[in-house]
Amino acid sequence: MESLRQQKASMNRCEKLRWKGMFIEADRDPNSPPGIHGPFWCQHTYKPFGPDGQVVDEFECCAVRSCYEQL
């Protein structure tokens, strides 16, 4: 069952946010520190940072960013 945190992230995430779990069965390791080579990438740039130069993840890719596209 999804936690409340996961539900909030999935409801507010950017349309262009992608992560490896979309293509393989894998859970994000909560003990793994976020990094530039993390499991997320932006479909605008195809890199782990968005067009605004900021790192992408399920919480950072939100409506306050200029590149955000609502899901």
C-alpha atoms as a PDB file:
ATOM      1  CA  MET A   1       0.000   0.000   0.000  1.00  0.00           C
ATOM      2  CA  GLU A   2       1.281   3.467  -0.871  1.00  0.00           C
ATOM      3  CA  SER A   3       2.220   5.749   1.968  1.00  0.00           C
ATOM      4  CA  LEU A   4       0.685   9.209   2.247  1.00  0.00           C
ATOM      5  CA  ARG A   5       4.033  10.667   1.181  1.00  0.00           C
ATOM      6  CA  GLN A   6       4.062   8.543  -1.994  1.00  0.00           C
ATOM      7  CA  GLN A   7       0.459   9.466  -2.798  1.00  0.00           C
ATOM      8  CA  LYS A   8       1.206  13.188  -2.437  1.00  0.00           C
ATOM      9  CA  ALA A   9       4.264  12.911  -4.671  1.00  0.00           C
ATOM     10  CA  SER A  10       2.378  11.008  -7.354  1.00  0.00           C
ATOM     11  CA  MET A  11      -0.523  13.495  -7.335  1.00  0.00           C
ATOM     12  CA  ASN A  12       1.658  16.613  -7.635  1.00  0.00           C
ATOM     13  CA  ARG A  13       4.506  15.388  -9.782  1.00  0.00           C
ATOM     14  CA  CYS A  14       5.450  16.873 -13.115  1.00  0.00           C
ATOM     15  CA  GLU A  15       4.261  15.237 -16.322  1.00  0.00           C
ATOM     16  CA  LYS A  16       7.878  15.159 -17.549  1.00  0.00           C
ATOM     17  CA  LEU A  17       9.350  13.417 -14.490  1.00  0.00           C
ATOM     18  CA  ARG A  18      10.463   9.861 -15.209  1.00  0.00           C
ATOM     19  CA  TRP A  19      12.029   7.206 -13.018  1.00  0.00           C
ATOM     20  CA  LYS A  20      13.427   3.738 -13.571  1.00  0.00           C
ATOM     21  CA  GLY A  21      10.536   2.125 -11.687  1.00  0.00           C
ATOM     22  CA  MET A  22       8.221   3.082 -14.569  1.00  0.00           C
ATOM     23  CA  PHE A  23      10.049   0.561 -16.738  1.00  0.00           C
ATOM     24  CA  ILE A  24      11.225  -2.117 -14.305  1.00  0.00           C
ATOM     25  CA  GLU A  25       9.813  -3.405 -11.036  1.00  0.00           C
ATOM     26  CA  ALA A  26      11.918  -1.525  -8.517  1.00  0.00           C
ATOM     27  CA  ASP A  27      11.278   0.449  -5.385  1.00  0.00           C
ATOM     28  CA  ARG A  28      13.293   3.525  -4.567  1.00  0.00           C
ATOM     29  CA  ASP A  29      15.796   2.794  -1.823  1.00  0.00           C
ATOM     30  CA  PRO A  30      14.936   5.249   0.981  1.00  0.00           C
ATOM     31  CA  ASN A  31      18.439   4.768   2.438  1.00  0.00           C
ATOM     32  CA  SER A  32      20.112   5.836  -0.779  1.00  0.00           C
ATOM     33  CA  PRO A  33      21.048   9.525  -0.750  1.00  0.00           C
ATOM     34  CA  PRO A  34      19.810  11.607  -3.670  1.00  0.00           C
ATOM     35  CA  GLY A  35      22.482  12.324  -6.219  1.00  0.00           C
ATOM     36  CA  ILE A  36      23.073  13.578  -9.691  1.00  0.00           C
ATOM     37  CA  HIS A  37      22.954  10.026 -11.053  1.00  0.00           C
ATOM     38  CA  GLY A  38      19.760   9.084  -9.228  1.00  0.00           C
ATOM     39  CA  PRO A  39      16.819   7.081 -10.484  1.00  0.00           C
ATOM     40  CA  PHE A  40      14.974  10.145 -11.867  1.00  0.00           C
ATOM     41  CA  TRP A  41      15.307  12.111 -15.098  1.00  0.00           C
ATOM     42  CA  CYS A  42      13.447  14.882 -16.878  1.00  0.00           C
ATOM     43  CA  GLN A  43      11.792  14.169 -20.193  1.00  0.00           C
ATOM     44  CA  HIS A  44      12.550  17.750 -21.282  1.00  0.00           C
ATOM     45  CA  THR A  45      16.312  17.257 -20.953  1.00  0.00           C
ATOM     46  CA  TYR A  46      16.716  13.458 -20.629  1.00  0.00           C
ATOM     47  CA  LYS A  47      19.091  14.192 -17.745  1.00  0.00           C
ATOM     48  CA  PRO A  48      18.840  14.159 -13.929  1.00  0.00           C
ATOM     49  CA  PHE A  49      18.192  17.906 -13.965  1.00  0.00           C
ATOM     50  CA  GLY A  50      15.478  19.976 -15.592  1.00  0.00           C
ATOM     51  CA  PRO A  51      15.694  22.835 -18.110  1.00  0.00           C
ATOM     52  CA  ASP A  52      16.020  25.213 -15.140  1.00  0.00           C
ATOM     53  CA  GLY A  53      19.248  23.454 -14.070  1.00  0.00           C
ATOM     54  CA  GLN A  54      17.747  22.057 -10.858  1.00  0.00           C
ATOM     55  CA  VAL A  55      17.841  18.396  -9.803  1.00  0.00           C
ATOM     56  CA  VAL A  56      14.722  16.351 -10.536  1.00  0.00           C
ATOM     57  CA  ASP A  57      12.898  14.034  -8.140  1.00  0.00           C
ATOM     58  CA  GLU A  58       9.375  13.302  -6.984  1.00  0.00           C
ATOM     59  CA  PHE A  59       9.272  16.295  -4.620  1.00  0.00           C
ATOM     60  CA  GLU A  60      11.391  18.912  -6.388  1.00  0.00           C
ATOM     61  CA  CYS A  61       9.446  18.691  -9.668  1.00  0.00           C
ATOM     62  CA  CYS A  62       6.453  20.739  -8.576  1.00  0.00           C
ATOM     63  CA  ALA A  63       4.388  23.753  -9.614  1.00  0.00           C
ATOM     64  CA  VAL A  64       6.903  26.324  -8.309  1.00  0.00           C
ATOM     65  CA  ARG A  65       9.328  25.476 -11.118  1.00  0.00           C
ATOM     66  CA  SER A  66       9.022  27.250 -14.456  1.00  0.00           C
ATOM     67  CA  CYS A  67       9.354  23.997 -16.416  1.00  0.00           C
ATOM     68  CA  TYR A  68       6.591  22.175 -14.476  1.00  0.00           C
ATOM     69  CA  GLU A  69       3.780  20.560 -16.466  1.00  0.00           C
ATOM     70  CA  GLN A  70       0.792  19.316 -14.494  1.00  0.00           C
ATOM     71  CA  LEU A  71       0.154  15.570 -14.670  1.00  0.00           C
END
